[in-house]
Amino acid sequence: MFIQTIRDAINPLHRDERGDNENLGRLLLLALVLIPLIILITVFGGEIYEEAQSQWDEVMGTGLGD
């Protein structure tokens, strides 16, 4: 009985012949790029901020004489 219920729930998915959902493909591609980027920013965020701040100070000419 349980297997029949599962089969009845899965069958409509196999009958769907519309093809690839292009929005889902775009979303998965975006996730493929953004998830590692978010992880890197989370792990190295402080170091990135400090390096960006020192580079900005160097460009603006501040912090050189401090």
PDB file of N, CA and C in Angstrom:
ATOM      1  N   MET A   1       0.818  -1.192   0.000  1.00  0.00           N
ATOM      2  CA  MET A   1       0.000   0.000   0.000  1.00  0.00           C
ATOM      3  C   MET A   1       0.866   1.262   0.000  1.00  0.00           C
ATOM      4  N   PHE A   2       1.905   1.285   0.837  1.00  0.00           N
ATOM      5  CA  PHE A   2       2.791   2.441   0.943  1.00  0.00           C
ATOM      6  C   PHE A   2       3.546   2.661  -0.367  1.00  0.00           C
ATOM      7  N   ILE A   3       4.024   1.573  -0.976  1.00  0.00           N
ATOM      8  CA  ILE A   3       4.764   1.682  -2.237  1.00  0.00           C
ATOM      9  C   ILE A   3       3.852   2.203  -3.343  1.00  0.00           C
ATOM     10  N   GLN A   4       2.618   1.771  -3.366  1.00  0.00           N
ATOM     11  CA  GLN A   4       1.657   2.252  -4.363  1.00  0.00           C
ATOM     12  C   GLN A   4       1.428   3.760  -4.213  1.00  0.00           C
ATOM     13  N   THR A   5       1.360   4.246  -2.979  1.00  0.00           N
ATOM     14  CA  THR A   5       1.171   5.675  -2.729  1.00  0.00           C
ATOM     15  C   THR A   5       2.365   6.474  -3.234  1.00  0.00           C
ATOM     16  N   ILE A   6       3.554   5.967  -2.983  1.00  0.00           N
ATOM     17  CA  ILE A   6       4.767   6.651  -3.453  1.00  0.00           C
ATOM     18  C   ILE A   6       4.810   6.667  -4.979  1.00  0.00           C
ATOM     19  N   ARG A   7       4.488   5.513  -5.583  1.00  0.00           N
ATOM     20  CA  ARG A   7       4.494   5.437  -7.043  1.00  0.00           C
ATOM     21  C   ARG A   7       3.494   6.415  -7.651  1.00  0.00           C
ATOM     22  N   ASP A   8       2.321   6.520  -7.052  1.00  0.00           N
ATOM     23  CA  ASP A   8       1.307   7.444  -7.552  1.00  0.00           C
ATOM     24  C   ASP A   8       1.755   8.903  -7.414  1.00  0.00           C
ATOM     25  N   ALA A   9       2.563   9.189  -6.389  1.00  0.00           N
ATOM     26  CA  ALA A   9       3.059  10.553  -6.192  1.00  0.00           C
ATOM     27  C   ALA A   9       4.180  10.890  -7.174  1.00  0.00           C
ATOM     28  N   ILE A  10       4.985   9.899  -7.550  1.00  0.00           N
ATOM     29  CA  ILE A  10       6.137  10.135  -8.428  1.00  0.00           C
ATOM     30  C   ILE A  10       5.756  10.087  -9.901  1.00  0.00           C
ATOM     31  N   ASN A  11       4.747   9.336 -10.261  1.00  0.00           N
ATOM     32  CA  ASN A  11       4.361   9.159 -11.664  1.00  0.00           C
ATOM     33  C   ASN A  11       4.142  10.473 -12.414  1.00  0.00           C
ATOM     34  N   PRO A  12       3.448  11.463 -11.858  1.00  0.00           N
ATOM     35  CA  PRO A  12       3.272  12.718 -12.627  1.00  0.00           C
ATOM     36  C   PRO A  12       4.588  13.401 -12.980  1.00  0.00           C
ATOM     37  N   LEU A  13       5.613  13.220 -12.169  1.00  0.00           N
ATOM     38  CA  LEU A  13       6.908  13.829 -12.479  1.00  0.00           C
ATOM     39  C   LEU A  13       7.522  13.205 -13.728  1.00  0.00           C
ATOM     40  N   HIS A  14       7.322  11.909 -13.919  1.00  0.00           N
ATOM     41  CA  HIS A  14       7.869  11.233 -15.083  1.00  0.00           C
ATOM     42  C   HIS A  14       7.077  11.531 -16.347  1.00  0.00           C
ATOM     43  N   ARG A  15       5.836  11.893 -16.206  1.00  0.00           N
ATOM     44  CA  ARG A  15       4.996  12.195 -17.361  1.00  0.00           C
ATOM     45  C   ARG A  15       5.202  13.622 -17.860  1.00  0.00           C
ATOM     46  N   ASP A  16       5.876  14.449 -17.077  1.00  0.00           N
ATOM     47  CA  ASP A  16       6.100  15.845 -17.471  1.00  0.00           C
ATOM     48  C   ASP A  16       7.156  15.876 -18.578  1.00  0.00           C
ATOM     49  N   GLU A  17       6.750  16.213 -19.789  1.00  0.00           N
ATOM     50  CA  GLU A  17       7.666  16.213 -20.925  1.00  0.00           C
ATOM     51  C   GLU A  17       7.939  17.624 -21.442  1.00  0.00           C
ATOM     52  N   ARG A  18       7.787  18.595 -20.597  1.00  0.00           N
ATOM     53  CA  ARG A  18       7.989  19.983 -21.034  1.00  0.00           C
ATOM     54  C   ARG A  18       9.460  20.321 -21.205  1.00  0.00           C
ATOM     55  N   GLY A  19      10.353  19.517 -20.690  1.00  0.00           N
ATOM     56  CA  GLY A  19      11.774  19.783 -20.848  1.00  0.00           C
ATOM     57  C   GLY A  19      12.324  20.583 -19.680  1.00  0.00           C
ATOM     58  N   ASP A  20      13.499  21.122 -19.915  1.00  0.00           N
ATOM     59  CA  ASP A  20      14.211  21.855 -18.877  1.00  0.00           C
ATOM     60  C   ASP A  20      13.502  23.166 -18.565  1.00  0.00           C
ATOM     61  N   ASN A  21      13.424  23.468 -17.294  1.00  0.00           N
ATOM     62  CA  ASN A  21      12.881  24.746 -16.862  1.00  0.00           C
ATOM     63  C   ASN A  21      14.045  25.740 -16.894  1.00  0.00           C
ATOM     64  N   GLU A  22      14.018  26.687 -17.820  1.00  0.00           N
ATOM     65  CA  GLU A  22      15.169  27.578 -17.998  1.00  0.00           C
ATOM     66  C   GLU A  22      15.400  28.477 -16.788  1.00  0.00           C
ATOM     67  N   ASN A  23      14.350  28.823 -16.058  1.00  0.00           N
ATOM     68  CA  ASN A  23      14.552  29.632 -14.857  1.00  0.00           C
ATOM     69  C   ASN A  23      15.277  28.844 -13.780  1.00  0.00           C
ATOM     70  N   LEU A  24      14.967  27.554 -13.667  1.00  0.00           N
ATOM     71  CA  LEU A  24      15.657  26.720 -12.696  1.00  0.00           C
ATOM     72  C   LEU A  24      17.128  26.589 -13.061  1.00  0.00           C
ATOM     73  N   GLY A  25      17.418  26.467 -14.342  1.00  0.00           N
ATOM     74  CA  GLY A  25      18.807  26.389 -14.795  1.00  0.00           C
ATOM     75  C   GLY A  25      19.579  27.649 -14.452  1.00  0.00           C
ATOM     76  N   ARG A  26      18.960  28.784 -14.663  1.00  0.00           N
ATOM     77  CA  ARG A  26      19.610  30.062 -14.322  1.00  0.00           C
ATOM     78  C   ARG A  26      19.850  30.174 -12.825  1.00  0.00           C
ATOM     79  N   LEU A  27      18.860  29.744 -12.049  1.00  0.00           N
ATOM     80  CA  LEU A  27      18.983  29.797 -10.600  1.00  0.00           C
ATOM     81  C   LEU A  27      20.105  28.891 -10.107  1.00  0.00           C
ATOM     82  N   LEU A  28      20.203  27.695 -10.673  1.00  0.00           N
ATOM     83  CA  LEU A  28      21.265  26.778 -10.276  1.00  0.00           C
ATOM     84  C   LEU A  28      22.637  27.316 -10.660  1.00  0.00           C
ATOM     85  N   LEU A  29      22.747  27.939 -11.822  1.00  0.00           N
ATOM     86  CA  LEU A  29      24.013  28.526 -12.243  1.00  0.00           C
ATOM     87  C   LEU A  29      24.406  29.684 -11.329  1.00  0.00           C
ATOM     88  N   LEU A  30      23.450  30.497 -10.965  1.00  0.00           N
ATOM     89  CA  LEU A  30      23.700  31.601 -10.042  1.00  0.00           C
ATOM     90  C   LEU A  30      24.148  31.073  -8.685  1.00  0.00           C
ATOM     91  N   ALA A  31      23.496  30.023  -8.211  1.00  0.00           N
ATOM     92  CA  ALA A  31      23.868  29.428  -6.929  1.00  0.00           C
ATOM     93  C   ALA A  31      25.271  28.836  -6.991  1.00  0.00           C
ATOM     94  N   LEU A  32      25.641  28.273  -8.142  1.00  0.00           N
ATOM     95  CA  LEU A  32      26.969  27.688  -8.313  1.00  0.00           C
ATOM     96  C   LEU A  32      28.060  28.737  -8.145  1.00  0.00           C
ATOM     97  N   VAL A  33      27.775  29.967  -8.504  1.00  0.00           N
ATOM     98  CA  VAL A  33      28.742  31.058  -8.370  1.00  0.00           C
ATOM     99  C   VAL A  33      28.655  31.707  -6.986  1.00  0.00           C
ATOM    100  N   LEU A  34      27.440  31.972  -6.528  1.00  0.00           N
ATOM    101  CA  LEU A  34      27.267  32.768  -5.309  1.00  0.00           C
ATOM    102  C   LEU A  34      27.579  32.008  -4.022  1.00  0.00           C
ATOM    103  N   ILE A  35      27.262  30.739  -3.943  1.00  0.00           N
ATOM    104  CA  ILE A  35      27.480  30.004  -2.697  1.00  0.00           C
ATOM    105  C   ILE A  35      28.967  29.959  -2.327  1.00  0.00           C
ATOM    106  N   PRO A  36      29.879  29.583  -3.248  1.00  0.00           N
ATOM    107  CA  PRO A  36      31.300  29.637  -2.871  1.00  0.00           C
ATOM    108  C   PRO A  36      31.781  31.054  -2.543  1.00  0.00           C
ATOM    109  N   LEU A  37      31.247  32.047  -3.259  1.00  0.00           N
ATOM    110  CA  LEU A  37      31.636  33.435  -2.989  1.00  0.00           C
ATOM    111  C   LEU A  37      31.215  33.861  -1.591  1.00  0.00           C
ATOM    112  N   ILE A  38      30.021  33.503  -1.184  1.00  0.00           N
ATOM    113  CA  ILE A  38      29.538  33.831   0.154  1.00  0.00           C
ATOM    114  C   ILE A  38      30.384  33.127   1.215  1.00  0.00           C
ATOM    115  N   ILE A  39      30.743  31.887   0.963  1.00  0.00           N
ATOM    116  CA  ILE A  39      31.583  31.146   1.917  1.00  0.00           C
ATOM    117  C   ILE A  39      32.944  31.811   2.046  1.00  0.00           C
ATOM    118  N   LEU A  40      33.547  32.200   0.928  1.00  0.00           N
ATOM    119  CA  LEU A  40      34.860  32.858   0.972  1.00  0.00           C
ATOM    120  C   LEU A  40      34.795  34.191   1.710  1.00  0.00           C
ATOM    121  N   ILE A  41      33.755  34.970   1.456  1.00  0.00           N
ATOM    122  CA  ILE A  41      33.619  36.257   2.144  1.00  0.00           C
ATOM    123  C   ILE A  41      33.403  36.041   3.637  1.00  0.00           C
ATOM    124  N   THR A  42      32.660  35.013   3.999  1.00  0.00           N
ATOM    125  CA  THR A  42      32.434  34.721   5.414  1.00  0.00           C
ATOM    126  C   THR A  42      33.731  34.330   6.106  1.00  0.00           C
ATOM    127  N   VAL A  43      34.516  33.491   5.450  1.00  0.00           N
ATOM    128  CA  VAL A  43      35.748  32.997   6.064  1.00  0.00           C
ATOM    129  C   VAL A  43      36.827  34.071   6.093  1.00  0.00           C
ATOM    130  N   PHE A  44      37.005  34.787   4.977  1.00  0.00           N
ATOM    131  CA  PHE A  44      38.107  35.742   4.862  1.00  0.00           C
ATOM    132  C   PHE A  44      37.648  37.192   4.880  1.00  0.00           C
ATOM    133  N   GLY A  45      36.446  37.460   5.379  1.00  0.00           N
ATOM    134  CA  GLY A  45      35.899  38.811   5.341  1.00  0.00           C
ATOM    135  C   GLY A  45      36.749  39.844   6.040  1.00  0.00           C
ATOM    136  N   GLY A  46      37.251  39.515   7.216  1.00  0.00           N
ATOM    137  CA  GLY A  46      38.083  40.462   7.962  1.00  0.00           C
ATOM    138  C   GLY A  46      39.372  40.794   7.237  1.00  0.00           C
ATOM    139  N   GLU A  47      40.009  39.776   6.691  1.00  0.00           N
ATOM    140  CA  GLU A  47      41.254  39.994   5.951  1.00  0.00           C
ATOM    141  C   GLU A  47      41.001  40.805   4.682  1.00  0.00           C
ATOM    142  N   ILE A  48      39.906  40.525   4.014  1.00  0.00           N
ATOM    143  CA  ILE A  48      39.562  41.273   2.804  1.00  0.00           C
ATOM    144  C   ILE A  48      39.332  42.742   3.151  1.00  0.00           C
ATOM    145  N   TYR A  49      38.610  42.981   4.240  1.00  0.00           N
ATOM    146  CA  TYR A  49      38.337  44.363   4.648  1.00  0.00           C
ATOM    147  C   TYR A  49      39.629  45.096   4.988  1.00  0.00           C
ATOM    148  N   GLU A  50      40.506  44.460   5.762  1.00  0.00           N
ATOM    149  CA  GLU A  50      41.762  45.114   6.149  1.00  0.00           C
ATOM    150  C   GLU A  50      42.624  45.436   4.934  1.00  0.00           C
ATOM    151  N   GLU A  51      42.724  44.508   3.991  1.00  0.00           N
ATOM    152  CA  GLU A  51      43.533  44.746   2.795  1.00  0.00           C
ATOM    153  C   GLU A  51      42.913  45.839   1.933  1.00  0.00           C
ATOM    154  N   ALA A  52      41.596  45.811   1.781  1.00  0.00           N
ATOM    155  CA  ALA A  52      40.933  46.855   0.993  1.00  0.00           C
ATOM    156  C   ALA A  52      41.106  48.220   1.651  1.00  0.00           C
ATOM    157  N   GLN A  53      41.024  48.280   2.976  1.00  0.00           N
ATOM    158  CA  GLN A  53      41.201  49.543   3.690  1.00  0.00           C
ATOM    159  C   GLN A  53      42.620  50.072   3.525  1.00  0.00           C
ATOM    160  N   SER A  54      43.619  49.188   3.611  1.00  0.00           N
ATOM    161  CA  SER A  54      44.996  49.653   3.453  1.00  0.00           C
ATOM    162  C   SER A  54      45.252  50.121   2.018  1.00  0.00           C
ATOM    163  N   GLN A  55      44.676  49.424   1.033  1.00  0.00           N
ATOM    164  CA  GLN A  55      44.836  49.859  -0.351  1.00  0.00           C
ATOM    165  C   GLN A  55      44.132  51.193  -0.586  1.00  0.00           C
ATOM    166  N   TRP A  56      42.961  51.374   0.008  1.00  0.00           N
ATOM    167  CA  TRP A  56      42.225  52.631  -0.143  1.00  0.00           C
ATOM    168  C   TRP A  56      43.001  53.781   0.493  1.00  0.00           C
ATOM    169  N   ASP A  57      43.537  53.537   1.685  1.00  0.00           N
ATOM    170  CA  ASP A  57      44.330  54.571   2.346  1.00  0.00           C
ATOM    171  C   ASP A  57      45.551  54.934   1.512  1.00  0.00           C
ATOM    172  N   GLU A  58      46.162  53.948   0.878  1.00  0.00           N
ATOM    173  CA  GLU A  58      47.328  54.208   0.041  1.00  0.00           C
ATOM    174  C   GLU A  58      46.940  55.048  -1.179  1.00  0.00           C
ATOM    175  N   VAL A  59      45.809  54.733  -1.782  1.00  0.00           N
ATOM    176  CA  VAL A  59      45.367  55.492  -2.957  1.00  0.00           C
ATOM    177  C   VAL A  59      45.003  56.934  -2.573  1.00  0.00           C
ATOM    178  N   MET A  60      44.327  57.082  -1.429  1.00  0.00           N
ATOM    179  CA  MET A  60      43.900  58.414  -1.000  1.00  0.00           C
ATOM    180  C   MET A  60      45.026  59.210  -0.346  1.00  0.00           C
ATOM    181  N   GLY A  61      46.128  58.560  -0.059  1.00  0.00           N
ATOM    182  CA  GLY A  61      47.254  59.271   0.528  1.00  0.00           C
ATOM    183  C   GLY A  61      47.132  59.456   2.025  1.00  0.00           C
ATOM    184  N   THR A  62      46.184  58.791   2.659  1.00  0.00           N
ATOM    185  CA  THR A  62      46.049  58.874   4.104  1.00  0.00           C
ATOM    186  C   THR A  62      46.646  57.626   4.726  1.00  0.00           C
ATOM    187  N   GLY A  63      47.061  57.749   5.944  1.00  0.00           N
ATOM    188  CA  GLY A  63      47.601  56.610   6.646  1.00  0.00           C
ATOM    189  C   GLY A  63      49.067  56.364   6.373  1.00  0.00           C
ATOM    190  N   LEU A  64      49.680  57.135   5.457  1.00  0.00           N
ATOM    191  CA  LEU A  64      51.082  56.910   5.152  1.00  0.00           C
ATOM    192  C   LEU A  64      51.983  57.450   6.244  1.00  0.00           C
ATOM    193  N   GLY A  65      51.603  58.562   6.837  1.00  0.00           N
ATOM    194  CA  GLY A  65      52.410  59.186   7.863  1.00  0.00           C
ATOM    195  C   GLY A  65      52.012  58.787   9.262  1.00  0.00           C
ATOM    196  N   ASP A  66      50.979  57.962   9.396  1.00  0.00           N
ATOM    197  CA  ASP A  66      50.490  57.584  10.738  1.00  0.00           C
ATOM    198  C   ASP A  66      51.450  56.694  11.445  1.00  0.00           C
TER     199      ASP A  66
END
